PDB file of N, CA and C in Angstrom:
ATOM      1  N   UNK A   1      31.797  41.561 122.655  1.00  0.00           N
ATOM      2  CA  UNK A   1      30.805  40.990 123.520  1.00  0.00           C
ATOM      3  C   UNK A   1      31.051  41.416 124.960  1.00  0.00           C
ATOM      4  N   UNK A   2      29.978  41.419 125.719  1.00  0.00           N
ATOM      5  CA  UNK A   2      30.080  41.811 127.127  1.00  0.00           C
ATOM      6  C   UNK A   2      30.980  40.865 127.912  1.00  0.00           C
ATOM      7  N   UNK A   3      31.019  39.604 127.519  1.00  0.00           N
ATOM      8  CA  UNK A   3      31.860  38.628 128.219  1.00  0.00           C
ATOM      9  C   UNK A   3      33.319  39.064 128.220  1.00  0.00           C
ATOM     10  N   UNK A   4      33.780  39.603 127.105  1.00  0.00           N
ATOM     11  CA  UNK A   4      35.170  40.050 127.026  1.00  0.00           C
ATOM     12  C   UNK A   4      35.427  41.217 127.972  1.00  0.00           C
ATOM     13  N   UNK A   5      34.435  42.112 128.105  1.00  0.00           N
ATOM     14  CA  UNK A   5      34.601  43.223 129.047  1.00  0.00           C
ATOM     15  C   UNK A   5      34.777  42.709 130.468  1.00  0.00           C
ATOM     16  N   UNK A   6      33.971  41.712 130.853  1.00  0.00           N
ATOM     17  CA  UNK A   6      34.099  41.155 132.202  1.00  0.00           C
ATOM     18  C   UNK A   6      35.463  40.512 132.403  1.00  0.00           C
ATOM     19  N   UNK A   7      35.960  39.829 131.387  1.00  0.00           N
ATOM     20  CA  UNK A   7      37.285  39.204 131.503  1.00  0.00           C
ATOM     21  C   UNK A   7      38.372  40.258 131.674  1.00  0.00           C
ATOM     22  N   UNK A   8      38.263  41.348 130.914  1.00  0.00           N
ATOM     23  CA  UNK A   8      39.265  42.414 131.002  1.00  0.00           C
ATOM     24  C   UNK A   8      39.148  43.151 132.332  1.00  0.00           C
ATOM     25  N   UNK A   9      37.908  43.463 132.758  1.00  0.00           N
ATOM     26  CA  UNK A   9      37.716  44.101 134.063  1.00  0.00           C
ATOM     27  C   UNK A   9      38.263  43.220 135.171  1.00  0.00           C
ATOM     28  N   UNK A  10      37.956  41.931 135.106  1.00  0.00           N
ATOM     29  CA  UNK A  10      38.427  40.996 136.130  1.00  0.00           C
ATOM     30  C   UNK A  10      39.936  40.951 136.200  1.00  0.00           C
ATOM     31  N   UNK A  11      40.578  40.917 135.034  1.00  0.00           N
ATOM     32  CA  UNK A  11      42.042  40.898 135.009  1.00  0.00           C
ATOM     33  C   UNK A  11      42.611  42.175 135.616  1.00  0.00           C
ATOM     34  N   UNK A  12      41.990  43.311 135.309  1.00  0.00           N
ATOM     35  CA  UNK A  12      42.446  44.576 135.883  1.00  0.00           C
ATOM     36  C   UNK A  12      42.286  44.616 137.390  1.00  0.00           C
ATOM     37  N   UNK A  13      41.158  44.123 137.876  1.00  0.00           N
ATOM     38  CA  UNK A  13      40.932  44.105 139.324  1.00  0.00           C
ATOM     39  C   UNK A  13      41.882  43.145 140.023  1.00  0.00           C
ATOM     40  N   UNK A  14      42.082  41.967 139.441  1.00  0.00           N
ATOM     41  CA  UNK A  14      43.004  41.009 140.057  1.00  0.00           C
ATOM     42  C   UNK A  14      44.434  41.530 140.016  1.00  0.00           C
ATOM     43  N   UNK A  15      44.795  42.243 138.966  1.00  0.00           N
ATOM     44  CA  UNK A  15      46.119  42.846 138.892  1.00  0.00           C
ATOM     45  C   UNK A  15      46.324  43.895 139.968  1.00  0.00           C
ATOM     46  N   UNK A  16      45.232  44.509 140.408  1.00  0.00           N
ATOM     47  CA  UNK A  16      45.296  45.503 141.476  1.00  0.00           C
ATOM     48  C   UNK A  16      45.185  44.901 142.867  1.00  0.00           C
ATOM     49  N   UNK A  17      45.138  43.567 142.946  1.00  0.00           N
ATOM     50  CA  UNK A  17      45.126  42.910 144.242  1.00  0.00           C
ATOM     51  C   UNK A  17      43.766  42.435 144.725  1.00  0.00           C
ATOM     52  N   UNK A  18      42.718  42.615 143.926  1.00  0.00           N
ATOM     53  CA  UNK A  18      41.388  42.150 144.320  1.00  0.00           C
ATOM     54  C   UNK A  18      41.206  40.697 143.903  1.00  0.00           C
ATOM     55  N   UNK A  19      40.554  39.918 144.731  1.00  0.00           N
ATOM     56  CA  UNK A  19      40.371  38.503 144.453  1.00  0.00           C
ATOM     57  C   UNK A  19      39.025  38.180 143.842  1.00  0.00           C
ATOM     58  N   UNK A  20      38.525  39.003 142.951  1.00  0.00           N
ATOM     59  CA  UNK A  20      37.208  38.799 142.351  1.00  0.00           C
ATOM     60  C   UNK A  20      37.334  37.948 141.086  1.00  0.00           C
ATOM     61  N   UNK A  21      36.410  37.001 140.929  1.00  0.00           N
ATOM     62  CA  UNK A  21      36.405  36.174 139.719  1.00  0.00           C
ATOM     63  C   UNK A  21      35.584  36.872 138.638  1.00  0.00           C
ATOM     64  N   UNK A  22      35.735  36.428 137.402  1.00  0.00           N
ATOM     65  CA  UNK A  22      34.952  37.000 136.310  1.00  0.00           C
ATOM     66  C   UNK A  22      33.459  36.763 136.538  1.00  0.00           C
ATOM     67  N   UNK A  23      33.103  35.591 137.069  1.00  0.00           N
ATOM     68  CA  UNK A  23      31.701  35.285 137.340  1.00  0.00           C
ATOM     69  C   UNK A  23      31.146  36.195 138.432  1.00  0.00           C
ATOM     70  N   UNK A  24      31.905  36.406 139.509  1.00  0.00           N
ATOM     71  CA  UNK A  24      31.471  37.327 140.565  1.00  0.00           C
ATOM     72  C   UNK A  24      31.285  38.730 140.006  1.00  0.00           C
ATOM     73  N   UNK A  25      32.191  39.145 139.165  1.00  0.00           N
ATOM     74  CA  UNK A  25      32.123  40.472 138.565  1.00  0.00           C
ATOM     75  C   UNK A  25      30.883  40.608 137.692  1.00  0.00           C
ATOM     76  N   UNK A  26      30.527  39.558 136.971  1.00  0.00           N
ATOM     77  CA  UNK A  26      29.349  39.598 136.108  1.00  0.00           C
ATOM     78  C   UNK A  26      28.067  39.799 136.912  1.00  0.00           C
ATOM     79  N   UNK A  27      28.043  39.342 138.157  1.00  0.00           N
ATOM     80  CA  UNK A  27      26.858  39.497 138.998  1.00  0.00           C
ATOM     81  C   UNK A  27      26.824  40.817 139.755  1.00  0.00           C
ATOM     82  N   UNK A  28      27.904  41.572 139.744  1.00  0.00           N
ATOM     83  CA  UNK A  28      27.925  42.864 140.431  1.00  0.00           C
ATOM     84  C   UNK A  28      27.113  43.881 139.640  1.00  0.00           C
ATOM     85  N   UNK A  29      26.427  44.751 140.355  1.00  0.00           N
ATOM     86  CA  UNK A  29      25.657  45.809 139.706  1.00  0.00           C
ATOM     87  C   UNK A  29      26.592  46.955 139.366  1.00  0.00           C
ATOM     88  N   UNK A  30      26.513  47.419 138.148  1.00  0.00           N
ATOM     89  CA  UNK A  30      27.340  48.539 137.716  1.00  0.00           C
ATOM     90  C   UNK A  30      26.495  49.789 137.544  1.00  0.00           C
ATOM     91  N   UNK A  31      27.058  50.925 137.837  1.00  0.00           N
ATOM     92  CA  UNK A  31      26.353  52.189 137.682  1.00  0.00           C
ATOM     93  C   UNK A  31      26.357  52.575 136.211  1.00  0.00           C
ATOM     94  N   UNK A  32      25.199  52.846 135.660  1.00  0.00           N
ATOM     95  CA  UNK A  32      25.117  53.319 134.288  1.00  0.00           C
ATOM     96  C   UNK A  32      24.929  52.231 133.251  1.00  0.00           C
ATOM     97  N   UNK A  33      24.727  50.996 133.664  1.00  0.00           N
ATOM     98  CA  UNK A  33      24.498  49.916 132.701  1.00  0.00           C
ATOM     99  C   UNK A  33      25.681  49.721 131.775  1.00  0.00           C
ATOM    100  N   UNK A  34      25.399  49.405 130.524  1.00  0.00           N
ATOM    101  CA  UNK A  34      26.466  49.126 129.563  1.00  0.00           C
ATOM    102  C   UNK A  34      27.265  50.390 129.246  1.00  0.00           C
ATOM    103  N   UNK A  35      26.605  51.557 129.282  1.00  0.00           N
ATOM    104  CA  UNK A  35      27.339  52.808 129.052  1.00  0.00           C
ATOM    105  C   UNK A  35      28.346  53.047 130.174  1.00  0.00           C
ATOM    106  N   UNK A  36      27.951  52.752 131.409  1.00  0.00           N
ATOM    107  CA  UNK A  36      28.873  52.882 132.537  1.00  0.00           C
ATOM    108  C   UNK A  36      30.017  51.900 132.440  1.00  0.00           C
ATOM    109  N   UNK A  37      29.716  50.675 131.979  1.00  0.00           N
ATOM    110  CA  UNK A  37      30.769  49.676 131.805  1.00  0.00           C
ATOM    111  C   UNK A  37      31.751  50.118 130.731  1.00  0.00           C
ATOM    112  N   UNK A  38      31.235  50.707 129.663  1.00  0.00           N
ATOM    113  CA  UNK A  38      32.117  51.217 128.615  1.00  0.00           C
ATOM    114  C   UNK A  38      33.014  52.332 129.116  1.00  0.00           C
ATOM    115  N   UNK A  39      32.461  53.208 129.949  1.00  0.00           N
ATOM    116  CA  UNK A  39      33.264  54.289 130.529  1.00  0.00           C
ATOM    117  C   UNK A  39      34.346  53.730 131.447  1.00  0.00           C
ATOM    118  N   UNK A  40      33.987  52.725 132.262  1.00  0.00           N
ATOM    119  CA  UNK A  40      34.989  52.102 133.135  1.00  0.00           C
ATOM    120  C   UNK A  40      36.098  51.461 132.312  1.00  0.00           C
ATOM    121  N   UNK A  41      35.730  50.845 131.202  1.00  0.00           N
ATOM    122  CA  UNK A  41      36.720  50.224 130.329  1.00  0.00           C
ATOM    123  C   UNK A  41      37.679  51.278 129.785  1.00  0.00           C
ATOM    124  N   UNK A  42      37.145  52.434 129.408  1.00  0.00           N
ATOM    125  CA  UNK A  42      37.991  53.528 128.937  1.00  0.00           C
ATOM    126  C   UNK A  42      38.957  54.010 130.005  1.00  0.00           C
ATOM    127  N   UNK A  43      38.477  54.141 131.245  1.00  0.00           N
ATOM    128  CA  UNK A  43      39.347  54.552 132.352  1.00  0.00           C
ATOM    129  C   UNK A  43      40.430  53.507 132.621  1.00  0.00           C
ATOM    130  N   UNK A  44      40.051  52.230 132.531  1.00  0.00           N
ATOM    131  CA  UNK A  44      41.024  51.157 132.750  1.00  0.00           C
ATOM    132  C   UNK A  44      42.123  51.202 131.696  1.00  0.00           C
ATOM    133  N   UNK A  45      41.735  51.390 130.431  1.00  0.00           N
ATOM    134  CA  UNK A  45      42.733  51.475 129.364  1.00  0.00           C
ATOM    135  C   UNK A  45      43.633  52.693 129.544  1.00  0.00           C
ATOM    136  N   UNK A  46      43.038  53.834 129.900  1.00  0.00           N
ATOM    137  CA  UNK A  46      43.837  55.044 130.102  1.00  0.00           C
ATOM    138  C   UNK A  46      44.815  54.870 131.258  1.00  0.00           C
ATOM    139  N   UNK A  47      44.360  54.271 132.354  1.00  0.00           N
ATOM    140  CA  UNK A  47      45.243  54.071 133.505  1.00  0.00           C
ATOM    141  C   UNK A  47      46.359  53.091 133.192  1.00  0.00           C
ATOM    142  N   UNK A  48      46.089  52.151 132.306  1.00  0.00           N
ATOM    143  CA  UNK A  48      47.077  51.129 131.980  1.00  0.00           C
ATOM    144  C   UNK A  48      48.093  51.599 130.954  1.00  0.00           C
ATOM    145  N   UNK A  49      47.632  52.319 129.928  1.00  0.00           N
ATOM    146  CA  UNK A  49      48.499  52.600 128.790  1.00  0.00           C
ATOM    147  C   UNK A  49      48.824  54.069 128.565  1.00  0.00           C
ATOM    148  N   UNK A  50      48.266  54.977 129.347  1.00  0.00           N
ATOM    149  CA  UNK A  50      48.530  56.400 129.136  1.00  0.00           C
ATOM    150  C   UNK A  50      49.960  56.741 129.543  1.00  0.00           C
ATOM    151  N   UNK A  51      50.554  57.733 128.881  1.00  0.00           N
ATOM    152  CA  UNK A  51      51.874  58.194 129.321  1.00  0.00           C
ATOM    153  C   UNK A  51      51.794  58.724 130.751  1.00  0.00           C
ATOM    154  N   UNK A  52      52.884  58.738 131.440  1.00  0.00           N
ATOM    155  CA  UNK A  52      52.931  59.117 132.858  1.00  0.00           C
ATOM    156  C   UNK A  52      52.221  60.435 133.185  1.00  0.00           C
ATOM    157  N   UNK A  53      52.426  61.537 132.445  1.00  0.00           N
ATOM    158  CA  UNK A  53      51.772  62.789 132.844  1.00  0.00           C
ATOM    159  C   UNK A  53      50.250  62.684 132.883  1.00  0.00           C
ATOM    160  N   UNK A  54      49.647  61.832 132.056  1.00  0.00           N
ATOM    161  CA  UNK A  54      48.197  61.692 132.033  1.00  0.00           C
ATOM    162  C   UNK A  54      47.692  60.805 133.156  1.00  0.00           C
ATOM    163  N   UNK A  55      48.576  60.137 133.853  1.00  0.00           N
ATOM    164  CA  UNK A  55      48.172  59.298 134.977  1.00  0.00           C
ATOM    165  C   UNK A  55      48.143  60.091 136.275  1.00  0.00           C
ATOM    166  N   UNK A  56      48.355  61.383 136.212  1.00  0.00           N
ATOM    167  CA  UNK A  56      48.335  62.195 137.414  1.00  0.00           C
ATOM    168  C   UNK A  56      49.703  62.352 138.044  1.00  0.00           C
ATOM    169  N   UNK A  57      50.736  61.872 137.384  1.00  0.00           N
ATOM    170  CA  UNK A  57      52.100  61.999 137.891  1.00  0.00           C
ATOM    171  C   UNK A  57      52.731  63.196 137.196  1.00  0.00           C
ATOM    172  N   UNK A  58      53.216  64.119 137.959  1.00  0.00           N
ATOM    173  CA  UNK A  58      53.821  65.315 137.379  1.00  0.00           C
ATOM    174  C   UNK A  58      55.093  64.957 136.622  1.00  0.00           C
ATOM    175  N   UNK A  59      55.221  65.529 135.442  1.00  0.00           N
ATOM    176  CA  UNK A  59      56.425  65.314 134.640  1.00  0.00           C
ATOM    177  C   UNK A  59      57.570  66.128 135.235  1.00  0.00           C
ATOM    178  N   UNK A  60      58.768  65.569 135.261  1.00  0.00           N
ATOM    179  CA  UNK A  60      59.909  66.330 135.798  1.00  0.00           C
ATOM    180  C   UNK A  60      60.257  67.503 134.896  1.00  0.00           C
ATOM    181  N   UNK A  61      60.756  68.581 135.497  1.00  0.00           N
ATOM    182  CA  UNK A  61      61.204  69.729 134.711  1.00  0.00           C
ATOM    183  C   UNK A  61      62.494  69.358 133.999  1.00  0.00           C
ATOM    184  N   UNK A  62      62.575  69.720 132.702  1.00  0.00           N
ATOM    185  CA  UNK A  62      63.823  69.390 131.961  1.00  0.00           C
ATOM    186  C   UNK A  62      65.007  70.208 132.413  1.00  0.00           C
TER     187      UNK A  62
END
């Protein structure tokens, strides 16, 4: 459900230091509608759980 996406987005934003509530986030206009929200969710998951080299951090030379 879309409600879960807002809760997850809100948690990600608050974890990054933003003071936005889930309700405030639900009223914000998103680019691309639900497809854009799905893409943002994918980026959030990748930034949170991807191995270090995929986060833009160069891997050390062995």
